[in-house]
Amino acid sequence: MAAAPTREALTSLYTNMLRTSQSFSSYNFRHYFVRKTKDTFKAMEAEKDTSKLSTMYNDAVREHAVLKRSAIVNQLYGGWRLAVENEGQEGIRERGDI
C-alpha cells in the first residue's frame, strides 16, 4: 500500500502547477490549465482513500512535468494577444507597434 503524500507535498505541487499554468503566453491555454489544476486538487482534497490519493498525486506529478514542457513550447511559439487580454490596460504595445 502506497503512503499518502504529505500536506506540504500537495501544497508544493499545487503551487508549482499554478505557477507553471500562469506561465503560458496563450490566454486560452493559461486559463484552461489554471482551471484544470484547481479542479484536480479539489478532487484530491475531497479524496479520503489513501491509495487513490497517492495515485492521483503521482498522476499530477507526471502531468506537471508535461505541463512544464508545454509551457516552454507555448512561450517559444506564442501568438498574438487576444482582445480580452487588453481590456482595462492602457498603453500596451502590440507586435508591429513602432
C-alpha atoms as a PDB file:
ATOM      1  CA  MET A   1       0.000   0.000   0.000  1.00  0.00           C
ATOM      2  CA  ALA A   2       1.416   3.366  -1.013  1.00  0.00           C
ATOM      3  CA  ALA A   3       1.851   6.066   1.580  1.00  0.00           C
ATOM      4  CA  ALA A   4      -0.312   9.125   1.190  1.00  0.00           C
ATOM      5  CA  PRO A   5       1.522  12.294   0.169  1.00  0.00           C
ATOM      6  CA  THR A   6       2.010  14.852   2.904  1.00  0.00           C
ATOM      7  CA  ARG A   7       0.049  18.078   3.021  1.00  0.00           C
ATOM      8  CA  GLU A   8       3.264  20.005   2.325  1.00  0.00           C
ATOM      9  CA  ALA A   9       3.932  17.914  -0.786  1.00  0.00           C
ATOM     10  CA  LEU A  10       0.398  18.522  -2.045  1.00  0.00           C
ATOM     11  CA  THR A  11       0.625  22.252  -1.373  1.00  0.00           C
ATOM     12  CA  SER A  12       4.002  22.490  -3.061  1.00  0.00           C
ATOM     13  CA  LEU A  13       2.800  20.615  -6.145  1.00  0.00           C
ATOM     14  CA  TYR A  14      -0.357  22.746  -6.299  1.00  0.00           C
ATOM     15  CA  THR A  15       1.664  25.970  -6.113  1.00  0.00           C
ATOM     16  CA  ASN A  16       4.128  24.781  -8.746  1.00  0.00           C
ATOM     17  CA  MET A  17       1.360  23.678 -11.107  1.00  0.00           C
ATOM     18  CA  LEU A  18      -0.441  27.021 -10.750  1.00  0.00           C
ATOM     19  CA  ARG A  19       2.815  28.884 -11.378  1.00  0.00           C
ATOM     20  CA  THR A  20       3.510  26.775 -14.462  1.00  0.00           C
ATOM     21  CA  SER A  21      -0.059  27.243 -15.694  1.00  0.00           C
ATOM     22  CA  GLN A  22       0.302  31.022 -15.364  1.00  0.00           C
ATOM     23  CA  SER A  23       3.458  30.949 -17.492  1.00  0.00           C
ATOM     24  CA  PHE A  24       1.603  30.084 -20.711  1.00  0.00           C
ATOM     25  CA  SER A  25       1.648  33.000 -23.129  1.00  0.00           C
ATOM     26  CA  SER A  26      -1.655  31.999 -24.751  1.00  0.00           C
ATOM     27  CA  TYR A  27      -4.706  33.281 -22.882  1.00  0.00           C
ATOM     28  CA  ASN A  28      -6.875  30.223 -23.560  1.00  0.00           C
ATOM     29  CA  PHE A  29      -4.221  27.684 -22.567  1.00  0.00           C
ATOM     30  CA  ARG A  30      -3.331  29.698 -19.462  1.00  0.00           C
ATOM     31  CA  HIS A  31      -6.892  29.905 -18.177  1.00  0.00           C
ATOM     32  CA  TYR A  32      -7.681  26.294 -19.088  1.00  0.00           C
ATOM     33  CA  PHE A  33      -4.709  24.885 -17.180  1.00  0.00           C
ATOM     34  CA  VAL A  34      -5.311  27.096 -14.135  1.00  0.00           C
ATOM     35  CA  ARG A  35      -8.925  25.894 -14.022  1.00  0.00           C
ATOM     36  CA  LYS A  36      -7.896  22.257 -14.592  1.00  0.00           C
ATOM     37  CA  THR A  37      -5.290  22.446 -11.819  1.00  0.00           C
ATOM     38  CA  LYS A  38      -7.805  23.847  -9.345  1.00  0.00           C
ATOM     39  CA  ASP A  39     -10.357  21.162 -10.253  1.00  0.00           C
ATOM     40  CA  THR A  40      -7.775  18.391  -9.931  1.00  0.00           C
ATOM     41  CA  PHE A  41      -6.691  19.497  -6.474  1.00  0.00           C
ATOM     42  CA  LYS A  42     -10.274  19.972  -5.269  1.00  0.00           C
ATOM     43  CA  ALA A  43     -10.853  16.327  -6.160  1.00  0.00           C
ATOM     44  CA  MET A  44      -7.650  15.356  -4.345  1.00  0.00           C
ATOM     45  CA  GLU A  45      -8.715  17.335  -1.293  1.00  0.00           C
ATOM     46  CA  ALA A  46     -12.049  15.513  -1.143  1.00  0.00           C
ATOM     47  CA  GLU A  47     -10.480  12.058  -1.531  1.00  0.00           C
ATOM     48  CA  LYS A  48     -10.306  10.001   1.675  1.00  0.00           C
ATOM     49  CA  ASP A  49      -8.791   6.765   0.342  1.00  0.00           C
ATOM     50  CA  THR A  50      -5.004   6.976   0.717  1.00  0.00           C
ATOM     51  CA  SER A  51      -4.236   4.638  -2.179  1.00  0.00           C
ATOM     52  CA  LYS A  52      -6.410   6.666  -4.565  1.00  0.00           C
ATOM     53  CA  LEU A  53      -4.896   9.880  -3.234  1.00  0.00           C
ATOM     54  CA  SER A  54      -1.409   8.524  -3.809  1.00  0.00           C
ATOM     55  CA  THR A  55      -2.335   7.522  -7.369  1.00  0.00           C
ATOM     56  CA  MET A  56      -3.861  10.943  -8.027  1.00  0.00           C
ATOM     57  CA  TYR A  57      -0.746  12.629  -6.642  1.00  0.00           C
ATOM     58  CA  ASN A  58       1.583  10.571  -8.845  1.00  0.00           C
ATOM     59  CA  ASP A  59      -0.580  11.369 -11.881  1.00  0.00           C
ATOM     60  CA  ALA A  60      -0.415  15.069 -11.002  1.00  0.00           C
ATOM     61  CA  VAL A  61       3.393  14.910 -10.728  1.00  0.00           C
ATOM     62  CA  ARG A  62       3.605  13.385 -14.221  1.00  0.00           C
ATOM     63  CA  GLU A  63       1.108  15.942 -15.504  1.00  0.00           C
ATOM     64  CA  HIS A  64       3.214  18.756 -14.050  1.00  0.00           C
ATOM     65  CA  ALA A  65       6.251  17.561 -16.000  1.00  0.00           C
ATOM     66  CA  VAL A  66       4.214  17.595 -19.218  1.00  0.00           C
ATOM     67  CA  LEU A  67       2.760  20.992 -18.316  1.00  0.00           C
ATOM     68  CA  LYS A  68       6.247  22.486 -17.867  1.00  0.00           C
ATOM     69  CA  ARG A  69       7.373  21.274 -21.285  1.00  0.00           C
ATOM     70  CA  SER A  70       4.156  22.505 -22.899  1.00  0.00           C
ATOM     71  CA  ALA A  71       4.517  25.938 -21.309  1.00  0.00           C
ATOM     72  CA  ILE A  72       8.042  26.293 -22.684  1.00  0.00           C
ATOM     73  CA  VAL A  73       6.903  25.407 -26.199  1.00  0.00           C
ATOM     74  CA  ASN A  74       3.949  27.778 -25.867  1.00  0.00           C
ATOM     75  CA  GLN A  75       6.259  30.603 -24.796  1.00  0.00           C
ATOM     76  CA  LEU A  76       8.535  29.961 -27.767  1.00  0.00           C
ATOM     77  CA  TYR A  77       5.732  29.939 -30.316  1.00  0.00           C
ATOM     78  CA  GLY A  78       3.158  32.169 -28.633  1.00  0.00           C
ATOM     79  CA  GLY A  79       0.845  34.077 -30.913  1.00  0.00           C
ATOM     80  CA  TRP A  80      -0.806  37.453 -30.840  1.00  0.00           C
ATOM     81  CA  ARG A  81      -2.518  38.777 -27.745  1.00  0.00           C
ATOM     82  CA  LEU A  82      -6.287  38.434 -27.726  1.00  0.00           C
ATOM     83  CA  ALA A  83      -8.627  41.398 -27.400  1.00  0.00           C
ATOM     84  CA  VAL A  84      -9.806  40.176 -23.979  1.00  0.00           C
ATOM     85  CA  GLU A  85      -6.262  40.383 -22.661  1.00  0.00           C
ATOM     86  CA  ASN A  86      -6.103  44.102 -23.431  1.00  0.00           C
ATOM     87  CA  GLU A  87      -9.281  45.061 -21.555  1.00  0.00           C
ATOM     88  CA  GLY A  88      -8.638  47.730 -18.960  1.00  0.00           C
ATOM     89  CA  GLN A  89      -4.960  48.065 -19.787  1.00  0.00           C
ATOM     90  CA  GLU A  90      -3.704  51.306 -21.268  1.00  0.00           C
ATOM     91  CA  GLY A  91      -0.533  51.744 -23.260  1.00  0.00           C
ATOM     92  CA  ILE A  92       0.165  48.121 -24.101  1.00  0.00           C
ATOM     93  CA  ARG A  93       2.455  47.684 -27.064  1.00  0.00           C
ATOM     94  CA  GLU A  94       1.470  45.077 -29.579  1.00  0.00           C
ATOM     95  CA  ARG A  95       3.570  43.456 -32.248  1.00  0.00           C
ATOM     96  CA  GLY A  96       4.305  45.814 -35.083  1.00  0.00           C
ATOM     97  CA  ASP A  97       3.992  48.977 -32.976  1.00  0.00           C
ATOM     98  CA  ILE A  98       6.796  51.439 -33.504  1.00  0.00           C
END
